[in-house]
């Protein structure tokens, strides 16, 4: 089975839009938190995306992988940086993390196709 991460984040975005209509206060709060947490500060945005992606991989979240791989790419991240971070995920998360690390690499290749 091959996942299409471009379609996956498109589908999720559609329904987060529906969630925003249904629960605007909650969703606006989430988006404000995301904006504040990912802003350049002591750590730069790219480093924060690598951290967020590592959490998504080890928590086995396909949507997180899709959104954070795309954000990493858009911030000028490299495949080499991604692979280096993914090796830490595999070290800390073992076999299950390896399965999602491979998917994160697949997502990278899809967004860069």
PDB file of N, CA and C in Angstrom:
ATOM      1  N   UNK A   1       0.842  -1.177   0.000  1.00  0.00           N
ATOM      2  CA  UNK A   1       0.000   0.000   0.000  1.00  0.00           C
ATOM      3  C   UNK A   1       0.883   1.235   0.000  1.00  0.00           C
ATOM      4  N   UNK A   2       0.612   2.124  -0.910  1.00  0.00           N
ATOM      5  CA  UNK A   2       1.364   3.372  -0.995  1.00  0.00           C
ATOM      6  C   UNK A   2       0.431   4.525  -0.656  1.00  0.00           C
ATOM      7  N   UNK A   3       0.852   5.342   0.286  1.00  0.00           N
ATOM      8  CA  UNK A   3       0.044   6.492   0.688  1.00  0.00           C
ATOM      9  C   UNK A   3       0.359   7.679  -0.213  1.00  0.00           C
ATOM     10  N   UNK A   4      -0.665   8.452  -0.518  1.00  0.00           N
ATOM     11  CA  UNK A   4      -0.505   9.681  -1.287  1.00  0.00           C
ATOM     12  C   UNK A   4      -0.619  10.840  -0.301  1.00  0.00           C
ATOM     13  N   UNK A   5       0.525  11.346   0.120  1.00  0.00           N
ATOM     14  CA  UNK A   5       0.532  12.387   1.148  1.00  0.00           C
ATOM     15  C   UNK A   5       0.001  13.720   0.652  1.00  0.00           C
ATOM     16  N   UNK A   6       0.144  14.009  -0.632  1.00  0.00           N
ATOM     17  CA  UNK A   6      -0.416  15.259  -1.136  1.00  0.00           C
ATOM     18  C   UNK A   6      -1.938  15.229  -1.036  1.00  0.00           C
ATOM     19  N   UNK A   7      -2.535  14.095  -1.382  1.00  0.00           N
ATOM     20  CA  UNK A   7      -3.984  13.955  -1.270  1.00  0.00           C
ATOM     21  C   UNK A   7      -4.424  13.873   0.190  1.00  0.00           C
ATOM     22  N   UNK A   8      -3.632  13.201   1.008  1.00  0.00           N
ATOM     23  CA  UNK A   8      -3.962  13.062   2.427  1.00  0.00           C
ATOM     24  C   UNK A   8      -4.086  14.432   3.097  1.00  0.00           C
ATOM     25  N   UNK A   9      -3.100  15.319   2.884  1.00  0.00           N
ATOM     26  CA  UNK A   9      -3.208  16.619   3.553  1.00  0.00           C
ATOM     27  C   UNK A   9      -4.302  17.487   2.929  1.00  0.00           C
ATOM     28  N   UNK A  10      -4.576  17.280   1.659  1.00  0.00           N
ATOM     29  CA  UNK A  10      -5.698  17.994   1.024  1.00  0.00           C
ATOM     30  C   UNK A  10      -7.013  17.577   1.690  1.00  0.00           C
ATOM     31  N   UNK A  11      -7.196  16.276   1.889  1.00  0.00           N
ATOM     32  CA  UNK A  11      -8.428  15.771   2.520  1.00  0.00           C
ATOM     33  C   UNK A  11      -8.558  16.250   3.961  1.00  0.00           C
ATOM     34  N   UNK A  12      -7.457  16.193   4.707  1.00  0.00           N
ATOM     35  CA  UNK A  12      -7.504  16.646   6.097  1.00  0.00           C
ATOM     36  C   UNK A  12      -7.808  18.136   6.153  1.00  0.00           C
ATOM     37  N   UNK A  13      -7.187  18.914   5.274  1.00  0.00           N
ATOM     38  CA  UNK A  13      -7.428  20.364   5.267  1.00  0.00           C
ATOM     39  C   UNK A  13      -8.897  20.679   5.024  1.00  0.00           C
ATOM     40  N   UNK A  14      -9.539  19.905   4.160  1.00  0.00           N
ATOM     41  CA  UNK A  14     -10.959  20.115   3.903  1.00  0.00           C
ATOM     42  C   UNK A  14     -11.762  19.951   5.190  1.00  0.00           C
ATOM     43  N   UNK A  15     -11.447  18.940   5.963  1.00  0.00           N
ATOM     44  CA  UNK A  15     -12.241  18.679   7.156  1.00  0.00           C
ATOM     45  C   UNK A  15     -11.787  19.472   8.371  1.00  0.00           C
ATOM     46  N   UNK A  16     -10.551  19.975   8.375  1.00  0.00           N
ATOM     47  CA  UNK A  16     -10.225  20.933   9.426  1.00  0.00           C
ATOM     48  C   UNK A  16     -10.966  22.234   9.157  1.00  0.00           C
ATOM     49  N   UNK A  17     -11.204  22.524   7.883  1.00  0.00           N
ATOM     50  CA  UNK A  17     -12.059  23.664   7.534  1.00  0.00           C
ATOM     51  C   UNK A  17     -13.467  23.475   8.050  1.00  0.00           C
ATOM     52  N   UNK A  18     -13.984  22.263   7.935  1.00  0.00           N
ATOM     53  CA  UNK A  18     -15.313  21.954   8.478  1.00  0.00           C
ATOM     54  C   UNK A  18     -15.315  22.084  10.001  1.00  0.00           C
ATOM     55  N   UNK A  19     -14.224  21.625  10.632  1.00  0.00           N
ATOM     56  CA  UNK A  19     -14.115  21.765  12.088  1.00  0.00           C
ATOM     57  C   UNK A  19     -14.107  23.241  12.485  1.00  0.00           C
ATOM     58  N   UNK A  20     -13.430  24.068  11.682  1.00  0.00           N
ATOM     59  CA  UNK A  20     -13.365  25.504  11.998  1.00  0.00           C
ATOM     60  C   UNK A  20     -14.757  26.137  11.930  1.00  0.00           C
ATOM     61  N   UNK A  21     -15.571  25.670  10.974  1.00  0.00           N
ATOM     62  CA  UNK A  21     -16.951  26.170  10.905  1.00  0.00           C
ATOM     63  C   UNK A  21     -17.746  25.734  12.127  1.00  0.00           C
ATOM     64  N   UNK A  22     -17.545  24.493  12.542  1.00  0.00           N
ATOM     65  CA  UNK A  22     -18.312  23.936  13.657  1.00  0.00           C
ATOM     66  C   UNK A  22     -17.818  24.433  15.018  1.00  0.00           C
ATOM     67  N   UNK A  23     -16.511  24.600  15.148  1.00  0.00           N
ATOM     68  CA  UNK A  23     -15.903  24.977  16.430  1.00  0.00           C
ATOM     69  C   UNK A  23     -14.837  26.056  16.218  1.00  0.00           C
ATOM     70  N   UNK A  24     -15.263  27.261  15.847  1.00  0.00           N
ATOM     71  CA  UNK A  24     -14.283  28.295  15.508  1.00  0.00           C
ATOM     72  C   UNK A  24     -13.360  28.683  16.658  1.00  0.00           C
ATOM     73  N   UNK A  25     -13.866  28.761  17.868  1.00  0.00           N
ATOM     74  CA  UNK A  25     -13.008  29.163  18.986  1.00  0.00           C
ATOM     75  C   UNK A  25     -11.898  28.144  19.222  1.00  0.00           C
ATOM     76  N   UNK A  26     -12.250  26.875  19.209  1.00  0.00           N
ATOM     77  CA  UNK A  26     -11.254  25.821  19.415  1.00  0.00           C
ATOM     78  C   UNK A  26     -10.216  25.826  18.307  1.00  0.00           C
ATOM     79  N   UNK A  27     -10.672  25.897  17.072  1.00  0.00           N
ATOM     80  CA  UNK A  27      -9.744  25.842  15.946  1.00  0.00           C
ATOM     81  C   UNK A  27      -8.871  27.093  15.878  1.00  0.00           C
ATOM     82  N   UNK A  28      -9.439  28.264  16.161  1.00  0.00           N
ATOM     83  CA  UNK A  28      -8.629  29.483  16.188  1.00  0.00           C
ATOM     84  C   UNK A  28      -7.580  29.406  17.295  1.00  0.00           C
ATOM     85  N   UNK A  29      -7.957  28.821  18.427  1.00  0.00           N
ATOM     86  CA  UNK A  29      -6.995  28.622  19.514  1.00  0.00           C
ATOM     87  C   UNK A  29      -5.882  27.676  19.105  1.00  0.00           C
ATOM     88  N   UNK A  30      -6.233  26.594  18.418  1.00  0.00           N
ATOM     89  CA  UNK A  30      -5.227  25.637  17.947  1.00  0.00           C
ATOM     90  C   UNK A  30      -4.276  26.300  16.964  1.00  0.00           C
ATOM     91  N   UNK A  31      -4.834  27.048  16.007  1.00  0.00           N
ATOM     92  CA  UNK A  31      -3.993  27.708  15.004  1.00  0.00           C
ATOM     93  C   UNK A  31      -3.095  28.764  15.640  1.00  0.00           C
ATOM     94  N   UNK A  32      -3.597  29.475  16.647  1.00  0.00           N
ATOM     95  CA  UNK A  32      -2.767  30.463  17.352  1.00  0.00           C
ATOM     96  C   UNK A  32      -1.624  29.768  18.094  1.00  0.00           C
ATOM     97  N   UNK A  33      -1.918  28.645  18.714  1.00  0.00           N
ATOM     98  CA  UNK A  33      -0.889  27.865  19.402  1.00  0.00           C
ATOM     99  C   UNK A  33       0.156  27.366  18.414  1.00  0.00           C
ATOM    100  N   UNK A  34      -0.293  26.839  17.281  1.00  0.00           N
ATOM    101  CA  UNK A  34       0.625  26.343  16.256  1.00  0.00           C
ATOM    102  C   UNK A  34       1.521  27.471  15.742  1.00  0.00           C
ATOM    103  N   UNK A  35       0.946  28.642  15.500  1.00  0.00           N
ATOM    104  CA  UNK A  35       1.724  29.778  14.991  1.00  0.00           C
ATOM    105  C   UNK A  35       2.764  30.219  16.017  1.00  0.00           C
ATOM    106  N   UNK A  36       2.367  30.322  17.272  1.00  0.00           N
ATOM    107  CA  UNK A  36       3.290  30.764  18.314  1.00  0.00           C
ATOM    108  C   UNK A  36       4.397  29.730  18.545  1.00  0.00           C
ATOM    109  N   UNK A  37       4.038  28.465  18.584  1.00  0.00           N
ATOM    110  CA  UNK A  37       5.028  27.418  18.864  1.00  0.00           C
ATOM    111  C   UNK A  37       6.027  27.244  17.727  1.00  0.00           C
ATOM    112  N   UNK A  38       5.611  27.522  16.496  1.00  0.00           N
ATOM    113  CA  UNK A  38       6.496  27.289  15.355  1.00  0.00           C
ATOM    114  C   UNK A  38       7.255  28.533  14.904  1.00  0.00           C
ATOM    115  N   UNK A  39       7.032  29.655  15.551  1.00  0.00           N
ATOM    116  CA  UNK A  39       7.712  30.897  15.160  1.00  0.00           C
ATOM    117  C   UNK A  39       9.202  30.820  15.472  1.00  0.00           C
ATOM    118  N   UNK A  40       9.992  31.543  14.680  1.00  0.00           N
ATOM    119  CA  UNK A  40      11.416  31.672  14.985  1.00  0.00           C
ATOM    120  C   UNK A  40      11.571  32.250  16.382  1.00  0.00           C
ATOM    121  N   UNK A  41      12.422  31.626  17.155  1.00  0.00           N
ATOM    122  CA  UNK A  41      12.723  32.093  18.503  1.00  0.00           C
ATOM    123  C   UNK A  41      14.137  31.624  18.790  1.00  0.00           C
ATOM    124  N   UNK A  42      14.373  31.032  19.934  1.00  0.00           N
ATOM    125  CA  UNK A  42      15.686  30.459  20.223  1.00  0.00           C
ATOM    126  C   UNK A  42      15.991  29.371  19.193  1.00  0.00           C
ATOM    127  N   UNK A  43      14.990  28.559  18.874  1.00  0.00           N
ATOM    128  CA  UNK A  43      15.100  27.578  17.785  1.00  0.00           C
ATOM    129  C   UNK A  43      14.463  28.175  16.537  1.00  0.00           C
ATOM    130  N   UNK A  44      15.059  27.917  15.386  1.00  0.00           N
ATOM    131  CA  UNK A  44      14.473  28.427  14.145  1.00  0.00           C
ATOM    132  C   UNK A  44      13.329  27.519  13.684  1.00  0.00           C
ATOM    133  N   UNK A  45      12.559  28.025  12.723  1.00  0.00           N
ATOM    134  CA  UNK A  45      11.376  27.302  12.240  1.00  0.00           C
ATOM    135  C   UNK A  45      11.730  25.924  11.688  1.00  0.00           C
ATOM    136  N   UNK A  46      12.830  25.821  10.959  1.00  0.00           N
ATOM    137  CA  UNK A  46      13.202  24.535  10.368  1.00  0.00           C
ATOM    138  C   UNK A  46      13.504  23.509  11.449  1.00  0.00           C
ATOM    139  N   UNK A  47      14.219  23.907  12.475  1.00  0.00           N
ATOM    140  CA  UNK A  47      14.509  22.990  13.590  1.00  0.00           C
ATOM    141  C   UNK A  47      13.219  22.547  14.254  1.00  0.00           C
ATOM    142  N   UNK A  48      12.300  23.485  14.431  1.00  0.00           N
ATOM    143  CA  UNK A  48      11.019  23.142  15.056  1.00  0.00           C
ATOM    144  C   UNK A  48      10.214  22.187  14.181  1.00  0.00           C
ATOM    145  N   UNK A  49      10.291  22.343  12.867  1.00  0.00           N
ATOM    146  CA  UNK A  49       9.597  21.405  11.974  1.00  0.00           C
ATOM    147  C   UNK A  49      10.211  20.007  12.064  1.00  0.00           C
ATOM    148  N   UNK A  50      11.526  19.934  12.180  1.00  0.00           N
ATOM    149  CA  UNK A  50      12.172  18.627  12.357  1.00  0.00           C
ATOM    150  C   UNK A  50      11.689  17.961  13.646  1.00  0.00           C
ATOM    151  N   UNK A  51      11.562  18.744  14.715  1.00  0.00           N
ATOM    152  CA  UNK A  51      11.063  18.208  15.986  1.00  0.00           C
ATOM    153  C   UNK A  51       9.617  17.755  15.846  1.00  0.00           C
ATOM    154  N   UNK A  52       8.789  18.597  15.249  1.00  0.00           N
ATOM    155  CA  UNK A  52       7.375  18.246  15.072  1.00  0.00           C
ATOM    156  C   UNK A  52       7.228  16.982  14.232  1.00  0.00           C
ATOM    157  N   UNK A  53       8.025  16.883  13.183  1.00  0.00           N
ATOM    158  CA  UNK A  53       7.968  15.704  12.332  1.00  0.00           C
ATOM    159  C   UNK A  53       8.429  14.462  13.088  1.00  0.00           C
ATOM    160  N   UNK A  54       9.477  14.598  13.891  1.00  0.00           N
ATOM    161  CA  UNK A  54       9.939  13.453  14.696  1.00  0.00           C
ATOM    162  C   UNK A  54       8.830  12.963  15.626  1.00  0.00           C
ATOM    163  N   UNK A  55       8.110  13.892  16.219  1.00  0.00           N
ATOM    164  CA  UNK A  55       6.991  13.507  17.086  1.00  0.00           C
ATOM    165  C   UNK A  55       5.908  12.827  16.260  1.00  0.00           C
ATOM    166  N   UNK A  56       5.586  13.368  15.097  1.00  0.00           N
ATOM    167  CA  UNK A  56       4.579  12.752  14.223  1.00  0.00           C
ATOM    168  C   UNK A  56       4.960  11.334  13.825  1.00  0.00           C
ATOM    169  N   UNK A  57       6.236  11.125  13.503  1.00  0.00           N
ATOM    170  CA  UNK A  57       6.711   9.783  13.125  1.00  0.00           C
ATOM    171  C   UNK A  57       6.572   8.832  14.302  1.00  0.00           C
ATOM    172  N   UNK A  58       7.063   9.232  15.471  1.00  0.00           N
ATOM    173  CA  UNK A  58       7.051   8.316  16.611  1.00  0.00           C
ATOM    174  C   UNK A  58       5.655   8.131  17.204  1.00  0.00           C
ATOM    175  N   UNK A  59       4.752   9.072  16.929  1.00  0.00           N
ATOM    176  CA  UNK A  59       3.360   8.918  17.368  1.00  0.00           C
ATOM    177  C   UNK A  59       2.496   8.242  16.298  1.00  0.00           C
ATOM    178  N   UNK A  60       3.106   7.943  15.157  1.00  0.00           N
ATOM    179  CA  UNK A  60       2.460   7.217  14.056  1.00  0.00           C
ATOM    180  C   UNK A  60       1.249   7.974  13.499  1.00  0.00           C
ATOM    181  N   UNK A  61       1.481   9.254  13.196  1.00  0.00           N
ATOM    182  CA  UNK A  61       0.408  10.132  12.708  1.00  0.00           C
ATOM    183  C   UNK A  61       0.655  10.485  11.246  1.00  0.00           C
ATOM    184  N   UNK A  62      -0.098   9.857  10.343  1.00  0.00           N
ATOM    185  CA  UNK A  62       0.068  10.112   8.911  1.00  0.00           C
ATOM    186  C   UNK A  62      -0.144  11.571   8.551  1.00  0.00           C
ATOM    187  N   UNK A  63      -1.175  12.191   9.107  1.00  0.00           N
ATOM    188  CA  UNK A  63      -1.444  13.589   8.816  1.00  0.00           C
ATOM    189  C   UNK A  63      -0.301  14.484   9.271  1.00  0.00           C
ATOM    190  N   UNK A  64       0.216  14.219  10.469  1.00  0.00           N
ATOM    191  CA  UNK A  64       1.356  14.996  10.978  1.00  0.00           C
ATOM    192  C   UNK A  64       2.549  14.853  10.053  1.00  0.00           C
ATOM    193  N   UNK A  65       2.801  13.636   9.598  1.00  0.00           N
ATOM    194  CA  UNK A  65       3.912  13.403   8.677  1.00  0.00           C
ATOM    195  C   UNK A  65       3.715  14.236   7.417  1.00  0.00           C
ATOM    196  N   UNK A  66       2.537  14.179   6.837  1.00  0.00           N
ATOM    197  CA  UNK A  66       2.281  14.932   5.607  1.00  0.00           C
ATOM    198  C   UNK A  66       2.471  16.421   5.772  1.00  0.00           C
ATOM    199  N   UNK A  67       1.840  17.000   6.781  1.00  0.00           N
ATOM    200  CA  UNK A  67       1.911  18.449   6.965  1.00  0.00           C
ATOM    201  C   UNK A  67       3.324  18.916   7.325  1.00  0.00           C
ATOM    202  N   UNK A  68       4.008  18.168   8.185  1.00  0.00           N
ATOM    203  CA  UNK A  68       5.324  18.625   8.630  1.00  0.00           C
ATOM    204  C   UNK A  68       6.424  18.346   7.607  1.00  0.00           C
ATOM    205  N   UNK A  69       6.286  17.291   6.808  1.00  0.00           N
ATOM    206  CA  UNK A  69       7.247  17.096   5.706  1.00  0.00           C
ATOM    207  C   UNK A  69       7.103  18.231   4.710  1.00  0.00           C
ATOM    208  N   UNK A  70       5.871  18.583   4.366  1.00  0.00           N
ATOM    209  CA  UNK A  70       5.658  19.682   3.412  1.00  0.00           C
ATOM    210  C   UNK A  70       6.214  20.990   3.971  1.00  0.00           C
ATOM    211  N   UNK A  71       5.956  21.254   5.244  1.00  0.00           N
ATOM    212  CA  UNK A  71       6.468  22.482   5.859  1.00  0.00           C
ATOM    213  C   UNK A  71       7.996  22.490   5.872  1.00  0.00           C
ATOM    214  N   UNK A  72       8.604  21.345   6.176  1.00  0.00           N
ATOM    215  CA  UNK A  72      10.060  21.250   6.177  1.00  0.00           C
ATOM    216  C   UNK A  72      10.616  21.540   4.790  1.00  0.00           C
ATOM    217  N   UNK A  73      10.001  20.966   3.778  1.00  0.00           N
ATOM    218  CA  UNK A  73      10.411  21.218   2.392  1.00  0.00           C
ATOM    219  C   UNK A  73      10.285  22.702   2.066  1.00  0.00           C
ATOM    220  N   UNK A  74       9.146  23.305   2.433  1.00  0.00           N
ATOM    221  CA  UNK A  74       8.903  24.715   2.140  1.00  0.00           C
ATOM    222  C   UNK A  74       9.880  25.647   2.872  1.00  0.00           C
ATOM    223  N   UNK A  75      10.433  25.181   3.990  1.00  0.00           N
ATOM    224  CA  UNK A  75      11.403  25.975   4.746  1.00  0.00           C
ATOM    225  C   UNK A  75      12.834  25.746   4.283  1.00  0.00           C
ATOM    226  N   UNK A  76      13.001  24.968   3.223  1.00  0.00           N
ATOM    227  CA  UNK A  76      14.341  24.745   2.684  1.00  0.00           C
ATOM    228  C   UNK A  76      15.076  23.576   3.291  1.00  0.00           C
ATOM    229  N   UNK A  77      14.347  22.720   4.004  1.00  0.00           N
ATOM    230  CA  UNK A  77      14.975  21.519   4.545  1.00  0.00           C
ATOM    231  C   UNK A  77      15.463  20.626   3.412  1.00  0.00           C
ATOM    232  N   UNK A  78      16.388  19.745   3.731  1.00  0.00           N
ATOM    233  CA  UNK A  78      16.928  18.835   2.732  1.00  0.00           C
ATOM    234  C   UNK A  78      16.567  17.395   3.062  1.00  0.00           C
ATOM    235  N   UNK A  79      16.646  16.563   2.051  1.00  0.00           N
ATOM    236  CA  UNK A  79      16.405  15.132   2.243  1.00  0.00           C
ATOM    237  C   UNK A  79      17.423  14.564   3.230  1.00  0.00           C
ATOM    238  N   UNK A  80      18.650  15.061   3.179  1.00  0.00           N
ATOM    239  CA  UNK A  80      19.695  14.597   4.081  1.00  0.00           C
ATOM    240  C   UNK A  80      19.372  14.941   5.534  1.00  0.00           C
ATOM    241  N   UNK A  81      18.870  16.163   5.773  1.00  0.00           N
ATOM    242  CA  UNK A  81      18.460  16.550   7.126  1.00  0.00           C
ATOM    243  C   UNK A  81      17.309  15.668   7.601  1.00  0.00           C
ATOM    244  N   UNK A  82      16.359  15.433   6.715  1.00  0.00           N
ATOM    245  CA  UNK A  82      15.231  14.571   7.036  1.00  0.00           C
ATOM    246  C   UNK A  82      15.723  13.183   7.436  1.00  0.00           C
ATOM    247  N   UNK A  83      16.575  12.584   6.619  1.00  0.00           N
ATOM    248  CA  UNK A  83      17.053  11.227   6.902  1.00  0.00           C
ATOM    249  C   UNK A  83      17.835  11.167   8.206  1.00  0.00           C
ATOM    250  N   UNK A  84      18.625  12.191   8.484  1.00  0.00           N
ATOM    251  CA  UNK A  84      19.382  12.222   9.728  1.00  0.00           C
ATOM    252  C   UNK A  84      18.431  12.236  10.926  1.00  0.00           C
ATOM    253  N   UNK A  85      17.394  13.071  10.860  1.00  0.00           N
ATOM    254  CA  UNK A  85      16.408  13.128  11.936  1.00  0.00           C
ATOM    255  C   UNK A  85      15.652  11.806  12.043  1.00  0.00           C
ATOM    256  N   UNK A  86      15.320  11.214  10.900  1.00  0.00           N
ATOM    257  CA  UNK A  86      14.579   9.947  10.928  1.00  0.00           C
ATOM    258  C   UNK A  86      15.399   8.831  11.573  1.00  0.00           C
ATOM    259  N   UNK A  87      16.708   8.888  11.434  1.00  0.00           N
ATOM    260  CA  UNK A  87      17.533   7.859  12.081  1.00  0.00           C
ATOM    261  C   UNK A  87      17.409   7.944  13.600  1.00  0.00           C
ATOM    262  N   UNK A  88      17.244   9.139  14.137  1.00  0.00           N
ATOM    263  CA  UNK A  88      17.037   9.294  15.577  1.00  0.00           C
ATOM    264  C   UNK A  88      15.668   8.732  15.969  1.00  0.00           C
ATOM    265  N   UNK A  89      14.661   8.956  15.111  1.00  0.00           N
ATOM    266  CA  UNK A  89      13.325   8.390  15.376  1.00  0.00           C
ATOM    267  C   UNK A  89      13.388   6.870  15.460  1.00  0.00           C
ATOM    268  N   UNK A  90      14.114   6.259  14.535  1.00  0.00           N
ATOM    269  CA  UNK A  90      14.236   4.792  14.533  1.00  0.00           C
ATOM    270  C   UNK A  90      14.983   4.335  15.777  1.00  0.00           C
ATOM    271  N   UNK A  91      16.045   5.037  16.132  1.00  0.00           N
ATOM    272  CA  UNK A  91      16.803   4.704  17.341  1.00  0.00           C
ATOM    273  C   UNK A  91      15.890   4.743  18.570  1.00  0.00           C
ATOM    274  N   UNK A  92      15.099   5.794  18.704  1.00  0.00           N
ATOM    275  CA  UNK A  92      14.264   5.963  19.894  1.00  0.00           C
ATOM    276  C   UNK A  92      12.970   5.162  19.837  1.00  0.00           C
ATOM    277  N   UNK A  93      12.470   4.874  18.633  1.00  0.00           N
ATOM    278  CA  UNK A  93      11.162   4.232  18.522  1.00  0.00           C
ATOM    279  C   UNK A  93      11.169   2.824  17.971  1.00  0.00           C
ATOM    280  N   UNK A  94      12.324   2.333  17.556  1.00  0.00           N
ATOM    281  CA  UNK A  94      12.432   0.959  17.071  1.00  0.00           C
ATOM    282  C   UNK A  94      11.687   0.704  15.765  1.00  0.00           C
ATOM    283  N   UNK A  95      11.283  -0.552  15.596  1.00  0.00           N
ATOM    284  CA  UNK A  95      10.640  -0.997  14.362  1.00  0.00           C
ATOM    285  C   UNK A  95       9.403  -0.204  13.973  1.00  0.00           C
ATOM    286  N   UNK A  96       8.478   0.059  14.914  1.00  0.00           N
ATOM    287  CA  UNK A  96       7.312   0.842  14.525  1.00  0.00           C
ATOM    288  C   UNK A  96       7.688   2.225  13.984  1.00  0.00           C
ATOM    289  N   UNK A  97       8.682   2.875  14.579  1.00  0.00           N
ATOM    290  CA  UNK A  97       9.115   4.180  14.079  1.00  0.00           C
ATOM    291  C   UNK A  97       9.733   4.045  12.696  1.00  0.00           C
ATOM    292  N   UNK A  98      10.418   2.934  12.434  1.00  0.00           N
ATOM    293  CA  UNK A  98      11.002   2.710  11.115  1.00  0.00           C
ATOM    294  C   UNK A  98       9.927   2.683  10.030  1.00  0.00           C
ATOM    295  N   UNK A  99       8.778   2.073  10.317  1.00  0.00           N
ATOM    296  CA  UNK A  99       7.708   2.007   9.324  1.00  0.00           C
ATOM    297  C   UNK A  99       7.226   3.409   8.952  1.00  0.00           C
ATOM    298  N   UNK A 100       7.087   4.277   9.949  1.00  0.00           N
ATOM    299  CA  UNK A 100       6.617   5.633   9.702  1.00  0.00           C
ATOM    300  C   UNK A 100       7.740   6.534   9.195  1.00  0.00           C
ATOM    301  N   UNK A 101       8.983   6.226   9.554  1.00  0.00           N
ATOM    302  CA  UNK A 101      10.122   6.957   8.998  1.00  0.00           C
ATOM    303  C   UNK A 101      10.185   6.724   7.491  1.00  0.00           C
ATOM    304  N   UNK A 102       9.969   5.484   7.083  1.00  0.00           N
ATOM    305  CA  UNK A 102       9.949   5.180   5.650  1.00  0.00           C
ATOM    306  C   UNK A 102       8.824   5.939   4.962  1.00  0.00           C
ATOM    307  N   UNK A 103       7.671   6.048   5.613  1.00  0.00           N
ATOM    308  CA  UNK A 103       6.572   6.821   5.037  1.00  0.00           C
ATOM    309  C   UNK A 103       6.909   8.310   4.964  1.00  0.00           C
ATOM    310  N   UNK A 104       7.621   8.831   5.950  1.00  0.00           N
ATOM    311  CA  UNK A 104       8.023  10.240   5.902  1.00  0.00           C
ATOM    312  C   UNK A 104       8.954  10.488   4.717  1.00  0.00           C
ATOM    313  N   UNK A 105       9.831   9.535   4.446  1.00  0.00           N
ATOM    314  CA  UNK A 105      10.709   9.653   3.293  1.00  0.00           C
ATOM    315  C   UNK A 105       9.900   9.572   1.996  1.00  0.00           C
ATOM    316  N   UNK A 106       8.893   8.706   1.959  1.00  0.00           N
ATOM    317  CA  UNK A 106       7.985   8.632   0.812  1.00  0.00           C
ATOM    318  C   UNK A 106       7.273   9.972   0.612  1.00  0.00           C
ATOM    319  N   UNK A 107       6.797  10.567   1.716  1.00  0.00           N
ATOM    320  CA  UNK A 107       6.113  11.861   1.632  1.00  0.00           C
ATOM    321  C   UNK A 107       7.066  12.917   1.072  1.00  0.00           C
ATOM    322  N   UNK A 108       8.310  12.930   1.534  1.00  0.00           N
ATOM    323  CA  UNK A 108       9.300  13.882   1.016  1.00  0.00           C
ATOM    324  C   UNK A 108       9.420  13.747  -0.488  1.00  0.00           C
ATOM    325  N   UNK A 109       9.583  12.512  -0.950  1.00  0.00           N
ATOM    326  CA  UNK A 109       9.748  12.282  -2.392  1.00  0.00           C
ATOM    327  C   UNK A 109       8.492  12.699  -3.156  1.00  0.00           C
ATOM    328  N   UNK A 110       7.305  12.481  -2.591  1.00  0.00           N
ATOM    329  CA  UNK A 110       6.074  12.899  -3.259  1.00  0.00           C
ATOM    330  C   UNK A 110       5.992  14.419  -3.369  1.00  0.00           C
ATOM    331  N   UNK A 111       6.328  15.138  -2.289  1.00  0.00           N
ATOM    332  CA  UNK A 111       6.251  16.597  -2.320  1.00  0.00           C
ATOM    333  C   UNK A 111       7.341  17.208  -3.203  1.00  0.00           C
ATOM    334  N   UNK A 112       8.384  16.451  -3.470  1.00  0.00           N
ATOM    335  CA  UNK A 112       9.473  16.947  -4.303  1.00  0.00           C
ATOM    336  C   UNK A 112       9.416  16.419  -5.731  1.00  0.00           C
ATOM    337  N   UNK A 113       8.362  15.700  -6.069  1.00  0.00           N
ATOM    338  CA  UNK A 113       8.235  15.139  -7.425  1.00  0.00           C
ATOM    339  C   UNK A 113       7.849  16.222  -8.417  1.00  0.00           C
TER     340      UNK A 113
END
